[in-house]
């Protein structure tokens, strides 16, 4: 449960923030590398994303220090939601529509 006035950012809000730092990886040729570097811990945005990996539905923790997965509030369907992936190997920020809600990912809350 979040405190009064706090909520998860939507997919569009995440995209808008990433756009300020170069945007997410996409089919138009954007690599997502600038946003990855700016939004990661120690980057110039002061967002300080961590590579916390995730936890699968069976309780196993995966990809610690290799990926930072962050939920958005935007559902893809009843079992899934949009999420953002800070991928250390490619040093890029990705956006995905198919996040399985039974998987535990990091969150970053906003208070508009």
PDB file of N, CA and C in Angstrom:
ATOM      1  N   UNK A   1       0.837  -1.173   0.000  1.00  0.00           N
ATOM      2  CA  UNK A   1       0.000   0.000   0.000  1.00  0.00           C
ATOM      3  C   UNK A   1       0.885   1.239   0.000  1.00  0.00           C
ATOM      4  N   UNK A   2       0.510   2.198  -0.807  1.00  0.00           N
ATOM      5  CA  UNK A   2       1.263   3.445  -0.909  1.00  0.00           C
ATOM      6  C   UNK A   2       0.673   4.490   0.033  1.00  0.00           C
ATOM      7  N   UNK A   3       1.493   5.427   0.448  1.00  0.00           N
ATOM      8  CA  UNK A   3       1.022   6.518   1.290  1.00  0.00           C
ATOM      9  C   UNK A   3       0.112   7.467   0.537  1.00  0.00           C
ATOM     10  N   UNK A   4      -0.557   8.352   1.267  1.00  0.00           N
ATOM     11  CA  UNK A   4      -1.484   9.318   0.668  1.00  0.00           C
ATOM     12  C   UNK A   4      -0.826  10.111  -0.457  1.00  0.00           C
ATOM     13  N   UNK A   5      -1.480  10.103  -1.609  1.00  0.00           N
ATOM     14  CA  UNK A   5      -1.030  10.889  -2.744  1.00  0.00           C
ATOM     15  C   UNK A   5       0.028  10.229  -3.602  1.00  0.00           C
ATOM     16  N   UNK A   6       0.602   9.125  -3.168  1.00  0.00           N
ATOM     17  CA  UNK A   6       1.642   8.438  -3.932  1.00  0.00           C
ATOM     18  C   UNK A   6       1.013   7.409  -4.862  1.00  0.00           C
ATOM     19  N   UNK A   7       1.622   7.216  -6.044  1.00  0.00           N
ATOM     20  CA  UNK A   7       1.141   6.222  -7.000  1.00  0.00           C
ATOM     21  C   UNK A   7       2.258   5.812  -7.942  1.00  0.00           C
ATOM     22  N   UNK A   8       2.025   4.720  -8.660  1.00  0.00           N
ATOM     23  CA  UNK A   8       2.976   4.303  -9.690  1.00  0.00           C
ATOM     24  C   UNK A   8       2.809   5.192 -10.913  1.00  0.00           C
ATOM     25  N   UNK A   9       3.888   5.535 -11.593  1.00  0.00           N
ATOM     26  CA  UNK A   9       3.754   6.303 -12.828  1.00  0.00           C
ATOM     27  C   UNK A   9       3.192   5.421 -13.948  1.00  0.00           C
ATOM     28  N   UNK A  10       2.479   6.026 -14.855  1.00  0.00           N
ATOM     29  CA  UNK A  10       1.943   5.302 -16.009  1.00  0.00           C
ATOM     30  C   UNK A  10       3.058   5.039 -17.025  1.00  0.00           C
ATOM     31  N   UNK A  11       2.753   4.211 -17.989  1.00  0.00           N
ATOM     32  CA  UNK A  11       3.666   3.959 -19.090  1.00  0.00           C
ATOM     33  C   UNK A  11       4.050   5.272 -19.784  1.00  0.00           C
ATOM     34  N   UNK A  12       3.054   6.113 -20.050  1.00  0.00           N
ATOM     35  CA  UNK A  12       3.325   7.393 -20.716  1.00  0.00           C
ATOM     36  C   UNK A  12       4.205   8.310 -19.873  1.00  0.00           C
ATOM     37  N   UNK A  13       4.013   8.314 -18.558  1.00  0.00           N
ATOM     38  CA  UNK A  13       4.851   9.142 -17.684  1.00  0.00           C
ATOM     39  C   UNK A  13       6.292   8.642 -17.674  1.00  0.00           C
ATOM     40  N   UNK A  14       6.478   7.324 -17.642  1.00  0.00           N
ATOM     41  CA  UNK A  14       7.829   6.761 -17.740  1.00  0.00           C
ATOM     42  C   UNK A  14       8.478   7.164 -19.063  1.00  0.00           C
ATOM     43  N   UNK A  15       7.737   7.016 -20.153  1.00  0.00           N
ATOM     44  CA  UNK A  15       8.277   7.364 -21.480  1.00  0.00           C
ATOM     45  C   UNK A  15       8.652   8.827 -21.561  1.00  0.00           C
ATOM     46  N   UNK A  16       7.824   9.693 -21.006  1.00  0.00           N
ATOM     47  CA  UNK A  16       8.099  11.130 -21.025  1.00  0.00           C
ATOM     48  C   UNK A  16       9.374  11.447 -20.239  1.00  0.00           C
ATOM     49  N   UNK A  17       9.530  10.821 -19.080  1.00  0.00           N
ATOM     50  CA  UNK A  17      10.754  11.048 -18.305  1.00  0.00           C
ATOM     51  C   UNK A  17      11.968  10.569 -19.097  1.00  0.00           C
ATOM     52  N   UNK A  18      11.895   9.372 -19.645  1.00  0.00           N
ATOM     53  CA  UNK A  18      13.018   8.825 -20.411  1.00  0.00           C
ATOM     54  C   UNK A  18      13.333   9.697 -21.623  1.00  0.00           C
ATOM     55  N   UNK A  19      12.305  10.255 -22.228  1.00  0.00           N
ATOM     56  CA  UNK A  19      12.478  11.120 -23.404  1.00  0.00           C
ATOM     57  C   UNK A  19      13.356  12.333 -23.077  1.00  0.00           C
ATOM     58  N   UNK A  20      13.237  12.844 -21.861  1.00  0.00           N
ATOM     59  CA  UNK A  20      14.052  13.989 -21.447  1.00  0.00           C
ATOM     60  C   UNK A  20      15.541  13.656 -21.440  1.00  0.00           C
ATOM     61  N   UNK A  21      15.864  12.356 -21.413  1.00  0.00           N
ATOM     62  CA  UNK A  21      17.265  11.923 -21.358  1.00  0.00           C
ATOM     63  C   UNK A  21      17.652  11.079 -22.575  1.00  0.00           C
ATOM     64  N   UNK A  22      16.885  11.178 -23.645  1.00  0.00           N
ATOM     65  CA  UNK A  22      17.223  10.483 -24.878  1.00  0.00           C
ATOM     66  C   UNK A  22      16.250   9.403 -25.296  1.00  0.00           C
ATOM     67  N   UNK A  23      15.339   8.989 -24.404  1.00  0.00           N
ATOM     68  CA  UNK A  23      14.300   8.029 -24.761  1.00  0.00           C
ATOM     69  C   UNK A  23      14.688   6.579 -24.579  1.00  0.00           C
ATOM     70  N   UNK A  24      13.694   5.712 -24.764  1.00  0.00           N
ATOM     71  CA  UNK A  24      13.890   4.269 -24.632  1.00  0.00           C
ATOM     72  C   UNK A  24      14.259   3.663 -25.973  1.00  0.00           C
ATOM     73  N   UNK A  25      14.817   2.466 -25.928  1.00  0.00           N
ATOM     74  CA  UNK A  25      15.140   1.711 -27.136  1.00  0.00           C
ATOM     75  C   UNK A  25      13.848   1.480 -27.921  1.00  0.00           C
ATOM     76  N   UNK A  26      13.883   1.729 -29.238  1.00  0.00           N
ATOM     77  CA  UNK A  26      12.689   1.518 -30.061  1.00  0.00           C
ATOM     78  C   UNK A  26      13.063   1.162 -31.488  1.00  0.00           C
ATOM     79  N   UNK A  27      12.035   0.921 -32.304  1.00  0.00           N
ATOM     80  CA  UNK A  27      12.247   0.511 -33.693  1.00  0.00           C
ATOM     81  C   UNK A  27      12.711   1.642 -34.600  1.00  0.00           C
ATOM     82  N   UNK A  28      12.637   2.883 -34.128  1.00  0.00           N
ATOM     83  CA  UNK A  28      13.036   4.013 -34.973  1.00  0.00           C
ATOM     84  C   UNK A  28      14.540   4.283 -34.919  1.00  0.00           C
ATOM     85  N   UNK A  29      15.265   3.434 -34.199  1.00  0.00           N
ATOM     86  CA  UNK A  29      16.709   3.597 -34.144  1.00  0.00           C
ATOM     87  C   UNK A  29      17.240   4.132 -32.830  1.00  0.00           C
ATOM     88  N   UNK A  30      16.366   4.522 -31.916  1.00  0.00           N
ATOM     89  CA  UNK A  30      16.818   4.997 -30.611  1.00  0.00           C
ATOM     90  C   UNK A  30      17.385   3.807 -29.839  1.00  0.00           C
ATOM     91  N   UNK A  31      18.570   3.960 -29.319  1.00  0.00           N
ATOM     92  CA  UNK A  31      19.229   2.858 -28.614  1.00  0.00           C
ATOM     93  C   UNK A  31      18.872   2.779 -27.141  1.00  0.00           C
ATOM     94  N   UNK A  32      18.363   3.855 -26.562  1.00  0.00           N
ATOM     95  CA  UNK A  32      18.049   3.880 -25.139  1.00  0.00           C
ATOM     96  C   UNK A  32      19.278   3.998 -24.256  1.00  0.00           C
ATOM     97  N   UNK A  33      20.460   4.174 -24.858  1.00  0.00           N
ATOM     98  CA  UNK A  33      21.706   4.226 -24.089  1.00  0.00           C
ATOM     99  C   UNK A  33      21.836   5.514 -23.266  1.00  0.00           C
ATOM    100  N   UNK A  34      21.443   6.636 -23.824  1.00  0.00           N
ATOM    101  CA  UNK A  34      21.551   7.907 -23.090  1.00  0.00           C
ATOM    102  C   UNK A  34      20.667   7.908 -21.855  1.00  0.00           C
ATOM    103  N   UNK A  35      19.420   7.451 -22.003  1.00  0.00           N
ATOM    104  CA  UNK A  35      18.505   7.407 -20.856  1.00  0.00           C
ATOM    105  C   UNK A  35      19.006   6.412 -19.821  1.00  0.00           C
ATOM    106  N   UNK A  36      19.521   5.276 -20.258  1.00  0.00           N
ATOM    107  CA  UNK A  36      20.073   4.280 -19.330  1.00  0.00           C
ATOM    108  C   UNK A  36      21.135   4.925 -18.450  1.00  0.00           C
ATOM    109  N   UNK A  37      22.093   5.593 -19.066  1.00  0.00           N
ATOM    110  CA  UNK A  37      23.196   6.195 -18.318  1.00  0.00           C
ATOM    111  C   UNK A  37      22.725   7.328 -17.404  1.00  0.00           C
ATOM    112  N   UNK A  38      21.794   8.151 -17.890  1.00  0.00           N
ATOM    113  CA  UNK A  38      21.317   9.292 -17.103  1.00  0.00           C
ATOM    114  C   UNK A  38      20.468   8.873 -15.912  1.00  0.00           C
ATOM    115  N   UNK A  39      19.651   7.834 -16.083  1.00  0.00           N
ATOM    116  CA  UNK A  39      18.697   7.446 -15.046  1.00  0.00           C
ATOM    117  C   UNK A  39      19.253   6.423 -14.065  1.00  0.00           C
ATOM    118  N   UNK A  40      20.356   5.786 -14.404  1.00  0.00           N
ATOM    119  CA  UNK A  40      20.962   4.793 -13.527  1.00  0.00           C
ATOM    120  C   UNK A  40      21.635   5.475 -12.334  1.00  0.00           C
ATOM    121  N   UNK A  41      21.851   4.717 -11.274  1.00  0.00           N
ATOM    122  CA  UNK A  41      22.519   5.255 -10.097  1.00  0.00           C
ATOM    123  C   UNK A  41      23.810   5.967 -10.494  1.00  0.00           C
ATOM    124  N   UNK A  42      23.967   7.206 -10.042  1.00  0.00           N
ATOM    125  CA  UNK A  42      25.142   8.001 -10.365  1.00  0.00           C
ATOM    126  C   UNK A  42      25.012   8.806 -11.652  1.00  0.00           C
ATOM    127  N   UNK A  43      23.911   8.633 -12.390  1.00  0.00           N
ATOM    128  CA  UNK A  43      23.699   9.379 -13.624  1.00  0.00           C
ATOM    129  C   UNK A  43      23.331  10.826 -13.347  1.00  0.00           C
ATOM    130  N   UNK A  44      23.281  11.624 -14.405  1.00  0.00           N
ATOM    131  CA  UNK A  44      23.062  13.060 -14.239  1.00  0.00           C
ATOM    132  C   UNK A  44      21.608  13.450 -13.968  1.00  0.00           C
ATOM    133  N   UNK A  45      20.684  12.496 -13.947  1.00  0.00           N
ATOM    134  CA  UNK A  45      19.274  12.821 -13.700  1.00  0.00           C
ATOM    135  C   UNK A  45      18.909  12.830 -12.223  1.00  0.00           C
ATOM    136  N   UNK A  46      19.732  12.224 -11.382  1.00  0.00           N
ATOM    137  CA  UNK A  46      19.477  12.024  -9.960  1.00  0.00           C
ATOM    138  C   UNK A  46      18.305  11.067  -9.707  1.00  0.00           C
ATOM    139  N   UNK A  47      17.889  10.311 -10.712  1.00  0.00           N
ATOM    140  CA  UNK A  47      16.851   9.289 -10.555  1.00  0.00           C
ATOM    141  C   UNK A  47      17.407   8.085  -9.798  1.00  0.00           C
ATOM    142  N   UNK A  48      18.643   7.716 -10.112  1.00  0.00           N
ATOM    143  CA  UNK A  48      19.381   6.671  -9.389  1.00  0.00           C
ATOM    144  C   UNK A  48      18.726   5.291  -9.390  1.00  0.00           C
ATOM    145  N   UNK A  49      18.335   4.821 -10.574  1.00  0.00           N
ATOM    146  CA  UNK A  49      17.779   3.469 -10.698  1.00  0.00           C
ATOM    147  C   UNK A  49      18.838   2.444 -10.304  1.00  0.00           C
ATOM    148  N   UNK A  50      18.381   1.380  -9.655  1.00  0.00           N
ATOM    149  CA  UNK A  50      19.262   0.287  -9.251  1.00  0.00           C
ATOM    150  C   UNK A  50      18.958  -0.943 -10.085  1.00  0.00           C
ATOM    151  N   UNK A  51      19.947  -1.797 -10.262  1.00  0.00           N
ATOM    152  CA  UNK A  51      19.772  -3.038 -11.007  1.00  0.00           C
ATOM    153  C   UNK A  51      19.393  -4.140 -10.017  1.00  0.00           C
ATOM    154  N   UNK A  52      18.131  -4.107  -9.597  1.00  0.00           N
ATOM    155  CA  UNK A  52      17.649  -5.010  -8.559  1.00  0.00           C
ATOM    156  C   UNK A  52      17.116  -6.338  -9.040  1.00  0.00           C
ATOM    157  N   UNK A  53      17.170  -6.589 -10.355  1.00  0.00           N
ATOM    158  CA  UNK A  53      16.673  -7.850 -10.874  1.00  0.00           C
ATOM    159  C   UNK A  53      15.181  -7.999 -10.641  1.00  0.00           C
ATOM    160  N   UNK A  54      14.749  -9.244 -10.451  1.00  0.00           N
ATOM    161  CA  UNK A  54      13.332  -9.521 -10.212  1.00  0.00           C
ATOM    162  C   UNK A  54      13.191 -10.818  -9.421  1.00  0.00           C
ATOM    163  N   UNK A  55      11.960 -11.109  -9.057  1.00  0.00           N
ATOM    164  CA  UNK A  55      11.656 -12.375  -8.411  1.00  0.00           C
ATOM    165  C   UNK A  55      10.554 -13.049  -9.207  1.00  0.00           C
ATOM    166  N   UNK A  56      10.788 -14.286  -9.615  1.00  0.00           N
ATOM    167  CA  UNK A  56       9.775 -15.032 -10.354  1.00  0.00           C
ATOM    168  C   UNK A  56       8.654 -15.476  -9.438  1.00  0.00           C
ATOM    169  N   UNK A  57       7.573 -15.963 -10.038  1.00  0.00           N
ATOM    170  CA  UNK A  57       6.411 -16.400  -9.271  1.00  0.00           C
ATOM    171  C   UNK A  57       6.729 -17.575  -8.345  1.00  0.00           C
ATOM    172  N   UNK A  58       7.811 -18.310  -8.644  1.00  0.00           N
ATOM    173  CA  UNK A  58       8.199 -19.426  -7.762  1.00  0.00           C
ATOM    174  C   UNK A  58       9.103 -18.982  -6.611  1.00  0.00           C
ATOM    175  N   UNK A  59       9.384 -17.676  -6.524  1.00  0.00           N
ATOM    176  CA  UNK A  59      10.147 -17.131  -5.414  1.00  0.00           C
ATOM    177  C   UNK A  59      11.640 -16.986  -5.646  1.00  0.00           C
ATOM    178  N   UNK A  60      12.135 -17.392  -6.803  1.00  0.00           N
ATOM    179  CA  UNK A  60      13.568 -17.275  -7.098  1.00  0.00           C
ATOM    180  C   UNK A  60      13.903 -15.859  -7.559  1.00  0.00           C
ATOM    181  N   UNK A  61      14.999 -15.333  -7.011  1.00  0.00           N
ATOM    182  CA  UNK A  61      15.484 -14.020  -7.428  1.00  0.00           C
ATOM    183  C   UNK A  61      16.430 -14.192  -8.611  1.00  0.00           C
ATOM    184  N   UNK A  62      16.261 -13.340  -9.609  1.00  0.00           N
ATOM    185  CA  UNK A  62      17.010 -13.458 -10.849  1.00  0.00           C
ATOM    186  C   UNK A  62      17.577 -12.113 -11.293  1.00  0.00           C
ATOM    187  N   UNK A  63      18.692 -12.155 -11.972  1.00  0.00           N
ATOM    188  CA  UNK A  63      19.278 -11.020 -12.706  1.00  0.00           C
ATOM    189  C   UNK A  63      19.687  -9.828 -11.845  1.00  0.00           C
ATOM    190  N   UNK A  64      19.977 -10.073 -10.567  1.00  0.00           N
ATOM    191  CA  UNK A  64      20.464  -9.026  -9.692  1.00  0.00           C
ATOM    192  C   UNK A  64      21.764  -8.466 -10.261  1.00  0.00           C
ATOM    193  N   UNK A  65      21.896  -7.183 -10.285  1.00  0.00           N
ATOM    194  CA  UNK A  65      23.055  -6.460 -10.828  1.00  0.00           C
ATOM    195  C   UNK A  65      23.203  -6.582 -12.335  1.00  0.00           C
ATOM    196  N   UNK A  66      22.208  -7.166 -13.019  1.00  0.00           N
ATOM    197  CA  UNK A  66      22.246  -7.262 -14.482  1.00  0.00           C
ATOM    198  C   UNK A  66      21.095  -6.497 -15.133  1.00  0.00           C
ATOM    199  N   UNK A  67      19.970  -6.392 -14.421  1.00  0.00           N
ATOM    200  CA  UNK A  67      18.795  -5.695 -14.937  1.00  0.00           C
ATOM    201  C   UNK A  67      18.110  -4.948 -13.806  1.00  0.00           C
ATOM    202  N   UNK A  68      17.517  -3.838 -14.157  1.00  0.00           N
ATOM    203  CA  UNK A  68      16.635  -3.124 -13.247  1.00  0.00           C
ATOM    204  C   UNK A  68      15.267  -3.081 -13.888  1.00  0.00           C
ATOM    205  N   UNK A  69      14.325  -3.851 -13.358  1.00  0.00           N
ATOM    206  CA  UNK A  69      12.966  -3.912 -13.886  1.00  0.00           C
ATOM    207  C   UNK A  69      12.068  -3.041 -13.021  1.00  0.00           C
ATOM    208  N   UNK A  70      11.326  -2.125 -13.646  1.00  0.00           N
ATOM    209  CA  UNK A  70      10.468  -1.192 -12.923  1.00  0.00           C
ATOM    210  C   UNK A  70       9.061  -1.205 -13.512  1.00  0.00           C
ATOM    211  N   UNK A  71       8.075  -1.461 -12.651  1.00  0.00           N
ATOM    212  CA  UNK A  71       6.679  -1.485 -13.078  1.00  0.00           C
ATOM    213  C   UNK A  71       6.171  -0.093 -13.422  1.00  0.00           C
ATOM    214  N   UNK A  72       5.229  -0.046 -14.364  1.00  0.00           N
ATOM    215  CA  UNK A  72       4.400   1.134 -14.566  1.00  0.00           C
ATOM    216  C   UNK A  72       3.004   0.776 -14.077  1.00  0.00           C
ATOM    217  N   UNK A  73       2.121   1.747 -13.987  1.00  0.00           N
ATOM    218  CA  UNK A  73       0.740   1.515 -13.556  1.00  0.00           C
ATOM    219  C   UNK A  73      -0.143   1.066 -14.712  1.00  0.00           C
ATOM    220  N   UNK A  74       0.384   1.029 -15.919  1.00  0.00           N
ATOM    221  CA  UNK A  74      -0.408   0.730 -17.107  1.00  0.00           C
ATOM    222  C   UNK A  74      -0.471  -0.763 -17.370  1.00  0.00           C
ATOM    223  N   UNK A  75      -1.680  -1.297 -17.340  1.00  0.00           N
ATOM    224  CA  UNK A  75      -1.869  -2.721 -17.600  1.00  0.00           C
ATOM    225  C   UNK A  75      -1.848  -3.006 -19.099  1.00  0.00           C
ATOM    226  N   UNK A  76      -1.291  -4.162 -19.451  1.00  0.00           N
ATOM    227  CA  UNK A  76      -1.371  -4.652 -20.822  1.00  0.00           C
ATOM    228  C   UNK A  76      -2.618  -5.509 -20.970  1.00  0.00           C
ATOM    229  N   UNK A  77      -2.895  -6.317 -19.952  1.00  0.00           N
ATOM    230  CA  UNK A  77      -4.096  -7.124 -19.830  1.00  0.00           C
ATOM    231  C   UNK A  77      -4.258  -7.469 -18.358  1.00  0.00           C
ATOM    232  N   UNK A  78      -5.208  -8.327 -18.020  1.00  0.00           N
ATOM    233  CA  UNK A  78      -5.465  -8.601 -16.608  1.00  0.00           C
ATOM    234  C   UNK A  78      -4.284  -9.253 -15.896  1.00  0.00           C
ATOM    235  N   UNK A  79      -3.438  -9.979 -16.614  1.00  0.00           N
ATOM    236  CA  UNK A  79      -2.302 -10.656 -15.994  1.00  0.00           C
ATOM    237  C   UNK A  79      -0.970  -9.963 -16.206  1.00  0.00           C
ATOM    238  N   UNK A  80      -0.976  -8.855 -16.959  1.00  0.00           N
ATOM    239  CA  UNK A  80       0.294  -8.215 -17.290  1.00  0.00           C
ATOM    240  C   UNK A  80       0.245  -6.704 -17.250  1.00  0.00           C
ATOM    241  N   UNK A  81       1.423  -6.114 -17.197  1.00  0.00           N
ATOM    242  CA  UNK A  81       1.537  -4.654 -17.171  1.00  0.00           C
ATOM    243  C   UNK A  81       2.815  -4.226 -17.888  1.00  0.00           C
ATOM    244  N   UNK A  82       2.850  -2.968 -18.289  1.00  0.00           N
ATOM    245  CA  UNK A  82       4.043  -2.394 -18.905  1.00  0.00           C
ATOM    246  C   UNK A  82       5.131  -2.249 -17.845  1.00  0.00           C
ATOM    247  N   UNK A  83       6.373  -2.494 -18.250  1.00  0.00           N
ATOM    248  CA  UNK A  83       7.496  -2.266 -17.353  1.00  0.00           C
ATOM    249  C   UNK A  83       8.692  -1.768 -18.145  1.00  0.00           C
ATOM    250  N   UNK A  84       9.648  -1.210 -17.431  1.00  0.00           N
ATOM    251  CA  UNK A  84      10.859  -0.660 -18.032  1.00  0.00           C
ATOM    252  C   UNK A  84      12.045  -1.456 -17.528  1.00  0.00           C
ATOM    253  N   UNK A  85      12.977  -1.726 -18.436  1.00  0.00           N
ATOM    254  CA  UNK A  85      14.101  -2.621 -18.175  1.00  0.00           C
ATOM    255  C   UNK A  85      15.410  -1.888 -18.436  1.00  0.00           C
ATOM    256  N   UNK A  86      16.173  -1.680 -17.385  1.00  0.00           N
ATOM    257  CA  UNK A  86      17.531  -1.148 -17.495  1.00  0.00           C
ATOM    258  C   UNK A  86      18.437  -2.360 -17.696  1.00  0.00           C
ATOM    259  N   UNK A  87      18.902  -2.569 -18.923  1.00  0.00           N
ATOM    260  CA  UNK A  87      19.721  -3.738 -19.244  1.00  0.00           C
ATOM    261  C   UNK A  87      21.208  -3.417 -19.205  1.00  0.00           C
ATOM    262  N   UNK A  88      21.915  -3.990 -18.239  1.00  0.00           N
ATOM    263  CA  UNK A  88      23.337  -3.694 -18.053  1.00  0.00           C
ATOM    264  C   UNK A  88      24.184  -4.150 -19.238  1.00  0.00           C
ATOM    265  N   UNK A  89      23.893  -5.331 -19.793  1.00  0.00           N
ATOM    266  CA  UNK A  89      24.697  -5.870 -20.892  1.00  0.00           C
ATOM    267  C   UNK A  89      24.709  -4.962 -22.106  1.00  0.00           C
ATOM    268  N   UNK A  90      23.551  -4.457 -22.480  1.00  0.00           N
ATOM    269  CA  UNK A  90      23.448  -3.565 -23.642  1.00  0.00           C
ATOM    270  C   UNK A  90      23.567  -2.106 -23.243  1.00  0.00           C
ATOM    271  N   UNK A  91      23.507  -1.835 -21.938  1.00  0.00           N
ATOM    272  CA  UNK A  91      23.499  -0.476 -21.398  1.00  0.00           C
ATOM    273  C   UNK A  91      22.437   0.377 -22.082  1.00  0.00           C
ATOM    274  N   UNK A  92      21.222  -0.191 -22.112  1.00  0.00           N
ATOM    275  CA  UNK A  92      20.085   0.468 -22.751  1.00  0.00           C
ATOM    276  C   UNK A  92      18.849   0.377 -21.851  1.00  0.00           C
ATOM    277  N   UNK A  93      17.928   1.305 -22.069  1.00  0.00           N
ATOM    278  CA  UNK A  93      16.647   1.296 -21.387  1.00  0.00           C
ATOM    279  C   UNK A  93      15.593   0.802 -22.372  1.00  0.00           C
ATOM    280  N   UNK A  94      14.871  -0.248 -21.977  1.00  0.00           N
ATOM    281  CA  UNK A  94      13.838  -0.858 -22.805  1.00  0.00           C
ATOM    282  C   UNK A  94      12.476  -0.697 -22.150  1.00  0.00           C
ATOM    283  N   UNK A  95      11.435  -0.794 -22.978  1.00  0.00           N
ATOM    284  CA  UNK A  95      10.045  -0.737 -22.511  1.00  0.00           C
ATOM    285  C   UNK A  95       9.342  -1.996 -23.008  1.00  0.00           C
ATOM    286  N   UNK A  96       8.617  -2.664 -22.105  1.00  0.00           N
ATOM    287  CA  UNK A  96       7.948  -3.917 -22.451  1.00  0.00           C
ATOM    288  C   UNK A  96       6.488  -3.867 -22.026  1.00  0.00           C
ATOM    289  N   UNK A  97       5.632  -4.472 -22.824  1.00  0.00           N
ATOM    290  CA  UNK A  97       4.196  -4.476 -22.531  1.00  0.00           C
ATOM    291  C   UNK A  97       3.726  -5.753 -21.848  1.00  0.00           C
ATOM    292  N   UNK A  98       4.598  -6.721 -21.695  1.00  0.00           N
ATOM    293  CA  UNK A  98       4.163  -8.062 -21.313  1.00  0.00           C
ATOM    294  C   UNK A  98       4.675  -8.520 -19.953  1.00  0.00           C
ATOM    295  N   UNK A  99       4.758  -7.624 -18.997  1.00  0.00           N
ATOM    296  CA  UNK A  99       5.237  -8.006 -17.672  1.00  0.00           C
ATOM    297  C   UNK A  99       4.218  -8.834 -16.910  1.00  0.00           C
ATOM    298  N   UNK A 100       4.606 -10.021 -16.525  1.00  0.00           N
ATOM    299  CA  UNK A 100       3.743 -10.925 -15.769  1.00  0.00           C
ATOM    300  C   UNK A 100       3.594 -10.382 -14.345  1.00  0.00           C
ATOM    301  N   UNK A 101       2.377 -10.056 -13.946  1.00  0.00           N
ATOM    302  CA  UNK A 101       2.136  -9.443 -12.639  1.00  0.00           C
ATOM    303  C   UNK A 101       2.517 -10.340 -11.463  1.00  0.00           C
ATOM    304  N   UNK A 102       2.676 -11.639 -11.701  1.00  0.00           N
ATOM    305  CA  UNK A 102       3.071 -12.513 -10.593  1.00  0.00           C
ATOM    306  C   UNK A 102       4.559 -12.396 -10.300  1.00  0.00           C
ATOM    307  N   UNK A 103       5.285 -11.691 -11.147  1.00  0.00           N
ATOM    308  CA  UNK A 103       6.717 -11.478 -10.978  1.00  0.00           C
ATOM    309  C   UNK A 103       6.938 -10.207 -10.155  1.00  0.00           C
ATOM    310  N   UNK A 104       7.867 -10.226  -9.250  1.00  0.00           N
ATOM    311  CA  UNK A 104       8.165  -9.048  -8.442  1.00  0.00           C
ATOM    312  C   UNK A 104       9.243  -8.210  -9.124  1.00  0.00           C
ATOM    313  N   UNK A 105       8.940  -6.953  -9.341  1.00  0.00           N
ATOM    314  CA  UNK A 105       9.895  -5.999  -9.916  1.00  0.00           C
ATOM    315  C   UNK A 105       9.956  -4.776  -9.001  1.00  0.00           C
ATOM    316  N   UNK A 106      10.912  -3.929  -9.248  1.00  0.00           N
ATOM    317  CA  UNK A 106      11.041  -2.702  -8.469  1.00  0.00           C
ATOM    318  C   UNK A 106       9.944  -1.720  -8.849  1.00  0.00           C
ATOM    319  N   UNK A 107       9.708  -0.760  -7.988  1.00  0.00           N
ATOM    320  CA  UNK A 107       8.774   0.327  -8.274  1.00  0.00           C
ATOM    321  C   UNK A 107       9.429   1.648  -7.900  1.00  0.00           C
ATOM    322  N   UNK A 108       9.005   2.669  -8.559  1.00  0.00           N
ATOM    323  CA  UNK A 108       9.386   4.039  -8.220  1.00  0.00           C
ATOM    324  C   UNK A 108       8.107   4.838  -8.209  1.00  0.00           C
ATOM    325  N   UNK A 109       7.706   5.304  -7.075  1.00  0.00           N
ATOM    326  CA  UNK A 109       6.429   5.987  -6.916  1.00  0.00           C
ATOM    327  C   UNK A 109       6.599   7.492  -7.136  1.00  0.00           C
ATOM    328  N   UNK A 110       5.489   8.114  -7.545  1.00  0.00           N
ATOM    329  CA  UNK A 110       5.476   9.556  -7.737  1.00  0.00           C
ATOM    330  C   UNK A 110       4.345  10.155  -6.914  1.00  0.00           C
ATOM    331  N   UNK A 111       4.505  11.417  -6.598  1.00  0.00           N
ATOM    332  CA  UNK A 111       3.466  12.164  -5.892  1.00  0.00           C
ATOM    333  C   UNK A 111       3.234  13.444  -6.672  1.00  0.00           C
ATOM    334  N   UNK A 112       2.282  13.372  -7.588  1.00  0.00           N
ATOM    335  CA  UNK A 112       2.033  14.540  -8.482  1.00  0.00           C
ATOM    336  C   UNK A 112       1.505  15.744  -7.730  1.00  0.00           C
TER     337      UNK A 112
END
